[in-house]
Amino acid sequence: MTTRSPVRRRSSAADLALITTFAAIIGVCAVLPAITGVAGVPFTLQMFGIFVAGALLGPVRGFLAVVLYLAVATAGVPIFTQGQAGPGVWAGTTGGYLLAFPFAALLVGAAAALVARRSPAVFTVTVAVVAAIVTVGVVGTLGTLGMARAMDVPLGVAWGYATPFFLADIVKGVIAAVVAAAVHRAFPQLLRG
């Protein structure tokens, strides 16, 4: 009969604790007072939380942290932007963004894992560039599709609504990369653990 070693159980428990903690951080970033944005989509710190989760936890745990955040908010805890909750939020103008969030953490986390052993400068630049690409290519695209559907407007109009968010989210990605690089210098085992 084989049993799991205590080390593995602690690692699983640590993973669960990190996933839960970062889901909560994303929730806090989402409900902090937001600036009213274009087409009813608010500017929040949510993307910062998502980028940090991916950059610190890696692709799988970062993805799971975002999925947990979305599941809890969809279940009714008011931690979507502006204190919203429930499955109806997915049908609104932010539904496409919600769909994109786990993939944003996954892609930023994958980039972070690839350069985790490189210098802090290489790590920071790589994560910031990938976050910028993800902002436009994944979050912007899915967010646009969601807004076009929810508002019944052409894709070009919805893309125009989405573009004001790009610069702010790219800045959040740069800040997340800087924060993650500093944390990884202090706790190098975090991304690999």
N, C-alpha and C. Protein backbone atom coordinates (compact mmCIF):
# COMPACT_ATOMS: atom_id res chain seq x y z
N MET A 1 0.85 -1.19 0.00
CA MET A 1 0.00 0.00 0.00
C MET A 1 0.89 1.24 0.00
N THR A 2 0.64 2.12 -0.92
CA THR A 2 1.42 3.35 -0.99
C THR A 2 0.62 4.49 -0.38
N THR A 3 1.34 5.35 0.28
CA THR A 3 0.71 6.55 0.83
C THR A 3 1.45 7.75 0.31
N ARG A 4 0.76 8.82 0.26
CA ARG A 4 1.40 10.06 -0.20
C ARG A 4 2.28 10.60 0.92
N SER A 5 3.36 11.16 0.49
CA SER A 5 4.28 11.71 1.49
C SER A 5 3.71 13.00 2.07
N PRO A 6 4.09 13.31 3.32
CA PRO A 6 3.62 14.57 3.93
C PRO A 6 4.04 15.80 3.14
N VAL A 7 5.19 15.71 2.46
CA VAL A 7 5.67 16.85 1.67
C VAL A 7 4.67 17.17 0.56
N ARG A 8 4.16 16.15 -0.11
CA ARG A 8 3.22 16.37 -1.20
C ARG A 8 1.92 16.98 -0.69
N ARG A 9 1.45 16.49 0.47
CA ARG A 9 0.21 17.05 1.01
C ARG A 9 0.39 18.52 1.36
N ARG A 10 1.54 18.86 1.92
CA ARG A 10 1.78 20.27 2.23
C ARG A 10 1.82 21.10 0.97
N SER A 11 2.40 20.56 -0.09
CA SER A 11 2.46 21.28 -1.35
C SER A 11 1.05 21.49 -1.91
N SER A 12 0.21 20.46 -1.84
CA SER A 12 -1.17 20.60 -2.30
C SER A 12 -1.92 21.62 -1.46
N ALA A 13 -1.70 21.56 -0.16
CA ALA A 13 -2.36 22.53 0.73
C ALA A 13 -1.87 23.94 0.44
N ALA A 14 -0.57 24.06 0.19
CA ALA A 14 -0.02 25.38 -0.14
C ALA A 14 -0.59 25.88 -1.46
N ASP A 15 -0.70 24.99 -2.44
CA ASP A 15 -1.29 25.37 -3.72
C ASP A 15 -2.71 25.86 -3.53
N LEU A 16 -3.50 25.13 -2.77
CA LEU A 16 -4.89 25.51 -2.52
C LEU A 16 -4.97 26.86 -1.80
N ALA A 17 -4.07 27.05 -0.84
CA ALA A 17 -4.06 28.33 -0.11
C ALA A 17 -3.70 29.48 -1.04
N LEU A 18 -2.72 29.27 -1.91
CA LEU A 18 -2.33 30.33 -2.86
C LEU A 18 -3.45 30.63 -3.86
N ILE A 19 -4.07 29.59 -4.38
CA ILE A 19 -5.16 29.78 -5.33
C ILE A 19 -6.30 30.55 -4.68
N THR A 20 -6.65 30.17 -3.47
CA THR A 20 -7.74 30.84 -2.75
C THR A 20 -7.38 32.29 -2.43
N THR A 21 -6.15 32.50 -1.99
CA THR A 21 -5.71 33.86 -1.66
C THR A 21 -5.75 34.77 -2.88
N PHE A 22 -5.27 34.27 -4.01
CA PHE A 22 -5.25 35.12 -5.20
C PHE A 22 -6.65 35.31 -5.79
N ALA A 23 -7.53 34.34 -5.61
CA ALA A 23 -8.93 34.56 -6.01
C ALA A 23 -9.52 35.71 -5.19
N ALA A 24 -9.19 35.74 -3.90
CA ALA A 24 -9.67 36.82 -3.04
C ALA A 24 -9.06 38.16 -3.44
N ILE A 25 -7.77 38.16 -3.79
CA ILE A 25 -7.11 39.40 -4.23
C ILE A 25 -7.78 39.94 -5.49
N ILE A 26 -8.09 39.06 -6.42
CA ILE A 26 -8.77 39.50 -7.65
C ILE A 26 -10.13 40.10 -7.30
N GLY A 27 -10.84 39.44 -6.38
CA GLY A 27 -12.15 39.97 -5.95
C GLY A 27 -12.03 41.35 -5.33
N VAL A 28 -11.02 41.55 -4.50
CA VAL A 28 -10.80 42.87 -3.88
C VAL A 28 -10.49 43.89 -4.97
N CYS A 29 -9.62 43.53 -5.90
CA CYS A 29 -9.28 44.45 -7.00
C CYS A 29 -10.51 44.81 -7.83
N ALA A 30 -11.46 43.88 -7.93
CA ALA A 30 -12.67 44.12 -8.73
C ALA A 30 -13.65 45.05 -8.02
N VAL A 31 -13.74 44.96 -6.71
CA VAL A 31 -14.76 45.75 -6.00
C VAL A 31 -14.26 47.08 -5.45
N LEU A 32 -12.95 47.31 -5.53
CA LEU A 32 -12.47 48.64 -5.13
C LEU A 32 -13.18 49.67 -6.01
N PRO A 33 -13.40 50.85 -5.50
CA PRO A 33 -14.12 51.85 -6.30
C PRO A 33 -13.53 51.97 -7.71
N ALA A 34 -14.42 51.89 -8.68
CA ALA A 34 -14.02 51.91 -10.08
C ALA A 34 -14.34 53.25 -10.71
N ILE A 35 -13.66 53.52 -11.80
CA ILE A 35 -13.96 54.69 -12.62
C ILE A 35 -14.93 54.22 -13.70
N THR A 36 -16.01 54.93 -13.87
CA THR A 36 -16.99 54.54 -14.88
C THR A 36 -16.35 54.65 -16.26
N GLY A 37 -16.43 53.56 -16.99
CA GLY A 37 -15.80 53.50 -18.29
C GLY A 37 -16.79 53.62 -19.43
N VAL A 38 -16.31 53.26 -20.59
CA VAL A 38 -17.10 53.34 -21.81
C VAL A 38 -18.09 52.18 -21.85
N ALA A 39 -19.29 52.44 -22.31
CA ALA A 39 -20.32 51.43 -22.53
C ALA A 39 -20.67 50.67 -21.26
N GLY A 40 -20.54 51.32 -20.12
CA GLY A 40 -20.92 50.69 -18.87
C GLY A 40 -19.90 49.70 -18.33
N VAL A 41 -18.72 49.61 -18.94
CA VAL A 41 -17.67 48.72 -18.46
C VAL A 41 -16.72 49.57 -17.62
N PRO A 42 -16.60 49.26 -16.31
CA PRO A 42 -15.80 50.11 -15.43
C PRO A 42 -14.29 49.83 -15.53
N PHE A 43 -13.50 50.85 -15.25
CA PHE A 43 -12.06 50.70 -15.09
C PHE A 43 -11.81 50.26 -13.65
N THR A 44 -11.19 49.10 -13.46
CA THR A 44 -10.89 48.60 -12.12
C THR A 44 -9.44 48.14 -12.07
N LEU A 45 -9.02 47.64 -10.91
CA LEU A 45 -7.69 47.04 -10.76
C LEU A 45 -7.73 45.54 -11.02
N GLN A 46 -8.84 45.04 -11.50
CA GLN A 46 -9.04 43.61 -11.68
C GLN A 46 -7.95 42.96 -12.54
N MET A 47 -7.61 43.58 -13.65
CA MET A 47 -6.58 43.00 -14.52
C MET A 47 -5.22 42.95 -13.82
N PHE A 48 -4.95 43.90 -12.95
CA PHE A 48 -3.71 43.83 -12.16
C PHE A 48 -3.71 42.55 -11.34
N GLY A 49 -4.81 42.26 -10.65
CA GLY A 49 -4.91 41.04 -9.85
C GLY A 49 -4.75 39.79 -10.68
N ILE A 50 -5.33 39.79 -11.86
CA ILE A 50 -5.25 38.63 -12.75
C ILE A 50 -3.82 38.45 -13.27
N PHE A 51 -3.18 39.53 -13.67
CA PHE A 51 -1.81 39.44 -14.15
C PHE A 51 -0.86 39.01 -13.03
N VAL A 52 -1.05 39.54 -11.83
CA VAL A 52 -0.20 39.15 -10.70
C VAL A 52 -0.41 37.68 -10.37
N ALA A 53 -1.64 37.22 -10.39
CA ALA A 53 -1.91 35.80 -10.10
C ALA A 53 -1.15 34.91 -11.09
N GLY A 54 -1.23 35.22 -12.37
CA GLY A 54 -0.51 34.43 -13.36
C GLY A 54 0.99 34.53 -13.19
N ALA A 55 1.50 35.73 -13.01
CA ALA A 55 2.95 35.95 -12.93
C ALA A 55 3.56 35.35 -11.67
N LEU A 56 2.80 35.29 -10.58
CA LEU A 56 3.33 34.73 -9.34
C LEU A 56 3.07 33.24 -9.19
N LEU A 57 1.92 32.79 -9.64
CA LEU A 57 1.54 31.40 -9.41
C LEU A 57 1.84 30.48 -10.58
N GLY A 58 2.08 31.03 -11.75
CA GLY A 58 2.29 30.21 -12.93
C GLY A 58 0.98 29.94 -13.64
N PRO A 59 1.04 29.21 -14.76
CA PRO A 59 -0.15 29.07 -15.60
C PRO A 59 -1.30 28.31 -14.97
N VAL A 60 -1.04 27.19 -14.33
CA VAL A 60 -2.14 26.36 -13.81
C VAL A 60 -2.77 26.99 -12.58
N ARG A 61 -1.94 27.32 -11.59
CA ARG A 61 -2.51 27.90 -10.36
C ARG A 61 -3.10 29.28 -10.62
N GLY A 62 -2.49 30.07 -11.51
CA GLY A 62 -3.06 31.37 -11.87
C GLY A 62 -4.41 31.22 -12.53
N PHE A 63 -4.50 30.29 -13.48
CA PHE A 63 -5.77 29.98 -14.16
C PHE A 63 -6.82 29.56 -13.12
N LEU A 64 -6.45 28.66 -12.22
CA LEU A 64 -7.40 28.16 -11.22
C LEU A 64 -7.84 29.25 -10.24
N ALA A 65 -6.95 30.18 -9.91
CA ALA A 65 -7.32 31.29 -9.03
C ALA A 65 -8.41 32.14 -9.69
N VAL A 66 -8.26 32.40 -10.98
CA VAL A 66 -9.26 33.21 -11.68
C VAL A 66 -10.57 32.44 -11.82
N VAL A 67 -10.48 31.15 -12.13
CA VAL A 67 -11.69 30.33 -12.23
C VAL A 67 -12.43 30.29 -10.89
N LEU A 68 -11.68 30.17 -9.79
CA LEU A 68 -12.32 30.17 -8.47
C LEU A 68 -13.00 31.51 -8.21
N TYR A 69 -12.33 32.60 -8.51
CA TYR A 69 -12.94 33.93 -8.37
C TYR A 69 -14.25 34.02 -9.16
N LEU A 70 -14.21 33.58 -10.42
CA LEU A 70 -15.40 33.64 -11.26
C LEU A 70 -16.52 32.75 -10.72
N ALA A 71 -16.16 31.57 -10.23
CA ALA A 71 -17.16 30.64 -9.70
C ALA A 71 -17.85 31.21 -8.46
N VAL A 72 -17.06 31.79 -7.58
CA VAL A 72 -17.62 32.36 -6.34
C VAL A 72 -18.54 33.53 -6.67
N ALA A 73 -18.11 34.40 -7.57
CA ALA A 73 -18.93 35.55 -7.95
C ALA A 73 -20.19 35.11 -8.69
N THR A 74 -20.05 34.12 -9.55
CA THR A 74 -21.21 33.62 -10.28
C THR A 74 -22.21 32.95 -9.33
N ALA A 75 -21.69 32.34 -8.29
CA ALA A 75 -22.56 31.68 -7.29
C ALA A 75 -23.33 32.68 -6.44
N GLY A 76 -22.94 33.95 -6.47
CA GLY A 76 -23.72 34.95 -5.76
C GLY A 76 -22.98 35.86 -4.81
N VAL A 77 -21.68 35.64 -4.60
CA VAL A 77 -20.92 36.55 -3.74
C VAL A 77 -20.63 37.81 -4.55
N PRO A 78 -20.98 38.98 -4.04
CA PRO A 78 -20.89 40.22 -4.84
C PRO A 78 -19.47 40.75 -5.00
N ILE A 79 -18.67 40.02 -5.77
CA ILE A 79 -17.27 40.42 -5.99
C ILE A 79 -16.94 40.65 -7.46
N PHE A 80 -17.97 40.67 -8.32
CA PHE A 80 -17.73 41.17 -9.65
C PHE A 80 -17.63 42.69 -9.54
N THR A 81 -17.19 43.38 -10.59
CA THR A 81 -17.05 44.83 -10.52
C THR A 81 -18.35 45.48 -10.06
N GLN A 82 -18.18 46.55 -9.32
CA GLN A 82 -19.29 47.33 -8.78
C GLN A 82 -20.21 46.49 -7.89
N GLY A 83 -19.65 45.45 -7.25
CA GLY A 83 -20.41 44.64 -6.31
C GLY A 83 -21.48 43.77 -6.94
N GLN A 84 -21.37 43.49 -8.20
CA GLN A 84 -22.35 42.64 -8.86
C GLN A 84 -22.05 41.18 -8.56
N ALA A 85 -23.04 40.32 -8.80
CA ALA A 85 -22.88 38.89 -8.58
C ALA A 85 -23.91 38.14 -9.40
N GLY A 86 -23.67 36.84 -9.53
CA GLY A 86 -24.65 35.97 -10.16
C GLY A 86 -24.38 35.71 -11.62
N PRO A 87 -25.05 34.70 -12.17
CA PRO A 87 -24.82 34.32 -13.56
C PRO A 87 -25.29 35.36 -14.58
N GLY A 88 -26.20 36.23 -14.19
CA GLY A 88 -26.69 37.25 -15.11
C GLY A 88 -25.61 38.22 -15.57
N VAL A 89 -24.56 38.38 -14.78
CA VAL A 89 -23.47 39.30 -15.14
C VAL A 89 -22.79 38.83 -16.44
N TRP A 90 -22.76 37.52 -16.64
CA TRP A 90 -22.13 36.98 -17.84
C TRP A 90 -22.86 37.41 -19.12
N ALA A 91 -24.13 37.73 -19.02
CA ALA A 91 -24.91 38.15 -20.20
C ALA A 91 -24.75 39.63 -20.48
N GLY A 92 -24.13 40.38 -19.57
CA GLY A 92 -23.99 41.83 -19.73
C GLY A 92 -22.76 42.20 -20.55
N THR A 93 -22.45 43.48 -20.53
CA THR A 93 -21.35 44.00 -21.34
C THR A 93 -19.98 43.49 -20.91
N THR A 94 -19.86 43.00 -19.68
CA THR A 94 -18.56 42.50 -19.21
C THR A 94 -18.39 41.00 -19.39
N GLY A 95 -19.38 40.31 -19.93
CA GLY A 95 -19.32 38.85 -20.06
C GLY A 95 -18.13 38.36 -20.85
N GLY A 96 -17.79 39.02 -21.93
CA GLY A 96 -16.64 38.61 -22.73
C GLY A 96 -15.33 38.78 -21.97
N TYR A 97 -15.26 39.84 -21.17
CA TYR A 97 -14.06 40.04 -20.35
C TYR A 97 -13.93 38.92 -19.33
N LEU A 98 -15.04 38.57 -18.69
CA LEU A 98 -15.00 37.50 -17.70
C LEU A 98 -14.49 36.21 -18.32
N LEU A 99 -14.94 35.91 -19.51
CA LEU A 99 -14.51 34.71 -20.21
C LEU A 99 -13.00 34.75 -20.49
N ALA A 100 -12.47 35.92 -20.78
CA ALA A 100 -11.05 36.08 -21.13
C ALA A 100 -10.13 35.99 -19.92
N PHE A 101 -10.61 36.33 -18.74
CA PHE A 101 -9.73 36.44 -17.58
C PHE A 101 -8.91 35.19 -17.27
N PRO A 102 -9.49 34.00 -17.23
CA PRO A 102 -8.65 32.83 -16.92
C PRO A 102 -7.54 32.61 -17.95
N PHE A 103 -7.84 32.88 -19.21
CA PHE A 103 -6.84 32.69 -20.27
C PHE A 103 -5.74 33.74 -20.16
N ALA A 104 -6.09 34.93 -19.70
CA ALA A 104 -5.07 35.96 -19.47
C ALA A 104 -4.09 35.50 -18.40
N ALA A 105 -4.60 34.97 -17.30
CA ALA A 105 -3.72 34.47 -16.24
C ALA A 105 -2.89 33.28 -16.72
N LEU A 106 -3.51 32.42 -17.50
CA LEU A 106 -2.81 31.24 -18.03
C LEU A 106 -1.63 31.64 -18.92
N LEU A 107 -1.86 32.57 -19.83
CA LEU A 107 -0.81 32.98 -20.76
C LEU A 107 0.30 33.77 -20.08
N VAL A 108 -0.07 34.68 -19.19
CA VAL A 108 0.95 35.43 -18.45
C VAL A 108 1.72 34.49 -17.54
N GLY A 109 1.02 33.54 -16.92
CA GLY A 109 1.68 32.55 -16.07
C GLY A 109 2.64 31.67 -16.85
N ALA A 110 2.27 31.29 -18.06
CA ALA A 110 3.16 30.47 -18.90
C ALA A 110 4.43 31.25 -19.25
N ALA A 111 4.27 32.52 -19.58
CA ALA A 111 5.44 33.35 -19.88
C ALA A 111 6.32 33.50 -18.65
N ALA A 112 5.71 33.72 -17.50
CA ALA A 112 6.48 33.86 -16.26
C ALA A 112 7.25 32.58 -15.94
N ALA A 113 6.61 31.44 -16.13
CA ALA A 113 7.27 30.16 -15.86
C ALA A 113 8.45 29.94 -16.80
N LEU A 114 8.33 30.38 -18.05
CA LEU A 114 9.41 30.21 -19.01
C LEU A 114 10.66 31.00 -18.65
N VAL A 115 10.47 32.17 -18.04
CA VAL A 115 11.62 33.04 -17.74
C VAL A 115 11.88 33.17 -16.24
N ALA A 116 11.33 32.27 -15.46
CA ALA A 116 11.45 32.37 -14.01
C ALA A 116 12.89 32.36 -13.52
N ARG A 117 13.76 31.68 -14.21
CA ARG A 117 15.16 31.58 -13.75
C ARG A 117 16.06 32.61 -14.40
N ARG A 118 15.49 33.47 -15.20
CA ARG A 118 16.27 34.52 -15.85
C ARG A 118 16.43 35.70 -14.90
N SER A 119 17.13 36.71 -15.36
CA SER A 119 17.34 37.90 -14.54
C SER A 119 16.01 38.61 -14.29
N PRO A 120 15.93 39.39 -13.22
CA PRO A 120 14.69 40.14 -12.96
C PRO A 120 14.29 41.05 -14.12
N ALA A 121 15.26 41.62 -14.81
CA ALA A 121 14.95 42.51 -15.94
C ALA A 121 14.30 41.71 -17.07
N VAL A 122 14.85 40.55 -17.40
CA VAL A 122 14.28 39.72 -18.46
C VAL A 122 12.88 39.26 -18.07
N PHE A 123 12.73 38.84 -16.82
CA PHE A 123 11.43 38.41 -16.32
C PHE A 123 10.41 39.54 -16.45
N THR A 124 10.78 40.72 -15.97
CA THR A 124 9.86 41.87 -15.98
C THR A 124 9.45 42.24 -17.39
N VAL A 125 10.42 42.35 -18.29
CA VAL A 125 10.11 42.75 -19.67
C VAL A 125 9.25 41.69 -20.35
N THR A 126 9.60 40.43 -20.18
CA THR A 126 8.84 39.35 -20.82
C THR A 126 7.40 39.33 -20.34
N VAL A 127 7.21 39.36 -19.03
CA VAL A 127 5.85 39.32 -18.48
C VAL A 127 5.06 40.56 -18.90
N ALA A 128 5.69 41.73 -18.89
CA ALA A 128 5.00 42.95 -19.29
C ALA A 128 4.59 42.90 -20.76
N VAL A 129 5.47 42.41 -21.62
CA VAL A 129 5.15 42.34 -23.06
C VAL A 129 4.02 41.33 -23.30
N VAL A 130 4.10 40.17 -22.66
CA VAL A 130 3.04 39.17 -22.83
C VAL A 130 1.72 39.71 -22.28
N ALA A 131 1.76 40.40 -21.15
CA ALA A 131 0.53 41.01 -20.61
C ALA A 131 -0.07 42.01 -21.59
N ALA A 132 0.78 42.78 -22.26
CA ALA A 132 0.28 43.75 -23.25
C ALA A 132 -0.36 43.04 -24.43
N ILE A 133 0.28 41.98 -24.90
CA ILE A 133 -0.29 41.22 -26.02
C ILE A 133 -1.61 40.58 -25.61
N VAL A 134 -1.65 40.01 -24.43
CA VAL A 134 -2.87 39.38 -23.92
C VAL A 134 -3.98 40.42 -23.75
N THR A 135 -3.62 41.62 -23.30
CA THR A 135 -4.60 42.69 -23.11
C THR A 135 -5.37 42.95 -24.40
N VAL A 136 -4.64 43.08 -25.49
CA VAL A 136 -5.28 43.40 -26.76
C VAL A 136 -5.82 42.14 -27.45
N GLY A 137 -4.97 41.11 -27.53
CA GLY A 137 -5.31 39.94 -28.32
C GLY A 137 -6.36 39.03 -27.72
N VAL A 138 -6.36 38.89 -26.41
CA VAL A 138 -7.30 37.96 -25.75
C VAL A 138 -8.42 38.73 -25.05
N VAL A 139 -8.03 39.55 -24.09
CA VAL A 139 -9.04 40.27 -23.30
C VAL A 139 -9.80 41.26 -24.18
N GLY A 140 -9.08 42.01 -25.00
CA GLY A 140 -9.74 42.97 -25.89
C GLY A 140 -10.66 42.30 -26.89
N THR A 141 -10.20 41.20 -27.46
CA THR A 141 -11.01 40.52 -28.47
C THR A 141 -12.27 39.91 -27.85
N LEU A 142 -12.10 39.13 -26.77
CA LEU A 142 -13.28 38.52 -26.15
C LEU A 142 -14.19 39.57 -25.51
N GLY A 143 -13.59 40.62 -24.94
CA GLY A 143 -14.40 41.70 -24.39
C GLY A 143 -15.22 42.39 -25.46
N THR A 144 -14.62 42.62 -26.62
CA THR A 144 -15.32 43.23 -27.75
C THR A 144 -16.48 42.37 -28.21
N LEU A 145 -16.22 41.07 -28.35
CA LEU A 145 -17.28 40.16 -28.78
C LEU A 145 -18.44 40.17 -27.78
N GLY A 146 -18.11 40.19 -26.49
CA GLY A 146 -19.15 40.24 -25.46
C GLY A 146 -19.96 41.52 -25.50
N MET A 147 -19.26 42.65 -25.67
CA MET A 147 -19.97 43.92 -25.75
C MET A 147 -20.84 44.01 -26.99
N ALA A 148 -20.32 43.54 -28.12
CA ALA A 148 -21.10 43.58 -29.37
C ALA A 148 -22.38 42.77 -29.21
N ARG A 149 -22.27 41.60 -28.58
CA ARG A 149 -23.45 40.76 -28.38
C ARG A 149 -24.42 41.40 -27.39
N ALA A 150 -23.91 41.86 -26.25
CA ALA A 150 -24.78 42.40 -25.21
C ALA A 150 -25.44 43.71 -25.62
N MET A 151 -24.74 44.53 -26.40
CA MET A 151 -25.25 45.84 -26.77
C MET A 151 -25.89 45.85 -28.16
N ASP A 152 -25.76 44.74 -28.87
CA ASP A 152 -26.28 44.61 -30.22
C ASP A 152 -25.74 45.74 -31.12
N VAL A 153 -24.40 45.84 -31.11
CA VAL A 153 -23.73 46.83 -31.96
C VAL A 153 -22.73 46.09 -32.84
N PRO A 154 -22.31 46.69 -33.96
CA PRO A 154 -21.31 46.06 -34.81
C PRO A 154 -19.98 45.90 -34.07
N LEU A 155 -19.18 44.93 -34.52
CA LEU A 155 -17.89 44.67 -33.88
C LEU A 155 -16.98 45.89 -33.88
N GLY A 156 -17.00 46.67 -34.96
CA GLY A 156 -16.17 47.87 -35.02
C GLY A 156 -16.52 48.88 -33.94
N VAL A 157 -17.81 49.04 -33.68
CA VAL A 157 -18.25 49.95 -32.62
C VAL A 157 -17.83 49.41 -31.26
N ALA A 158 -18.03 48.11 -31.04
CA ALA A 158 -17.64 47.50 -29.77
C ALA A 158 -16.12 47.58 -29.56
N TRP A 159 -15.35 47.39 -30.64
CA TRP A 159 -13.89 47.52 -30.54
C TRP A 159 -13.51 48.94 -30.12
N GLY A 160 -14.22 49.92 -30.64
CA GLY A 160 -13.99 51.31 -30.22
C GLY A 160 -14.28 51.51 -28.75
N TYR A 161 -15.28 50.81 -28.23
CA TYR A 161 -15.57 50.88 -26.80
C TYR A 161 -14.47 50.22 -25.97
N ALA A 162 -13.86 49.16 -26.51
CA ALA A 162 -12.86 48.40 -25.77
C ALA A 162 -11.50 49.09 -25.72
N THR A 163 -11.14 49.82 -26.77
CA THR A 163 -9.79 50.37 -26.86
C THR A 163 -9.38 51.31 -25.73
N PRO A 164 -10.27 52.09 -25.12
CA PRO A 164 -9.80 52.93 -24.00
C PRO A 164 -9.25 52.14 -22.82
N PHE A 165 -9.60 50.86 -22.73
CA PHE A 165 -9.12 50.03 -21.62
C PHE A 165 -7.71 49.52 -21.86
N PHE A 166 -7.27 49.49 -23.11
CA PHE A 166 -6.01 48.85 -23.42
C PHE A 166 -4.82 49.50 -22.71
N LEU A 167 -4.71 50.81 -22.80
CA LEU A 167 -3.56 51.49 -22.19
C LEU A 167 -3.53 51.25 -20.68
N ALA A 168 -4.67 51.41 -20.02
CA ALA A 168 -4.73 51.20 -18.57
C ALA A 168 -4.34 49.77 -18.21
N ASP A 169 -4.84 48.78 -18.98
CA ASP A 169 -4.53 47.39 -18.68
C ASP A 169 -3.08 47.04 -19.00
N ILE A 170 -2.50 47.67 -20.00
CA ILE A 170 -1.08 47.47 -20.29
C ILE A 170 -0.24 48.00 -19.14
N VAL A 171 -0.60 49.17 -18.61
CA VAL A 171 0.10 49.72 -17.45
C VAL A 171 -0.03 48.77 -16.25
N LYS A 172 -1.21 48.21 -16.04
CA LYS A 172 -1.41 47.25 -14.95
C LYS A 172 -0.53 46.03 -15.15
N GLY A 173 -0.36 45.60 -16.40
CA GLY A 173 0.52 44.47 -16.69
C GLY A 173 1.97 44.77 -16.38
N VAL A 174 2.41 45.97 -16.68
CA VAL A 174 3.79 46.38 -16.37
C VAL A 174 3.99 46.41 -14.87
N ILE A 175 3.05 47.00 -14.14
CA ILE A 175 3.17 47.06 -12.68
C ILE A 175 3.14 45.65 -12.09
N ALA A 176 2.28 44.79 -12.60
CA ALA A 176 2.22 43.40 -12.13
C ALA A 176 3.54 42.69 -12.38
N ALA A 177 4.17 42.94 -13.52
CA ALA A 177 5.46 42.32 -13.83
C ALA A 177 6.54 42.77 -12.86
N VAL A 178 6.55 44.06 -12.54
CA VAL A 178 7.54 44.59 -11.60
C VAL A 178 7.32 43.99 -10.21
N VAL A 179 6.07 43.95 -9.77
CA VAL A 179 5.74 43.36 -8.47
C VAL A 179 6.14 41.89 -8.43
N ALA A 180 5.78 41.15 -9.48
CA ALA A 180 6.08 39.72 -9.52
C ALA A 180 7.58 39.46 -9.51
N ALA A 181 8.34 40.26 -10.24
CA ALA A 181 9.80 40.09 -10.25
C ALA A 181 10.37 40.30 -8.85
N ALA A 182 9.88 41.31 -8.14
CA ALA A 182 10.35 41.56 -6.77
C ALA A 182 9.98 40.41 -5.83
N VAL A 183 8.77 39.90 -5.96
CA VAL A 183 8.34 38.80 -5.10
C VAL A 183 9.16 37.55 -5.41
N HIS A 184 9.42 37.28 -6.68
CA HIS A 184 10.20 36.10 -7.04
C HIS A 184 11.65 36.19 -6.58
N ARG A 185 12.19 37.39 -6.48
CA ARG A 185 13.54 37.53 -5.91
C ARG A 185 13.53 37.13 -4.45
N ALA A 186 12.47 37.49 -3.73
CA ALA A 186 12.38 37.15 -2.31
C ALA A 186 11.97 35.69 -2.09
N PHE A 187 11.11 35.16 -2.96
CA PHE A 187 10.58 33.80 -2.81
C PHE A 187 10.73 33.05 -4.14
N PRO A 188 11.95 32.66 -4.51
CA PRO A 188 12.17 32.05 -5.82
C PRO A 188 11.44 30.73 -6.02
N GLN A 189 11.09 30.04 -4.96
CA GLN A 189 10.38 28.77 -5.07
C GLN A 189 8.90 28.93 -5.36
N LEU A 190 8.36 30.12 -5.28
CA LEU A 190 6.92 30.34 -5.43
C LEU A 190 6.39 29.89 -6.78
N LEU A 191 7.03 30.27 -7.85
CA LEU A 191 6.56 29.93 -9.18
C LEU A 191 6.78 28.46 -9.50
N ARG A 192 7.86 27.91 -9.01
CA ARG A 192 8.18 26.52 -9.29
C ARG A 192 7.51 25.57 -8.31
N GLY A 193 7.00 26.11 -7.19
CA GLY A 193 6.51 25.24 -6.13
C GLY A 193 5.11 24.81 -6.23
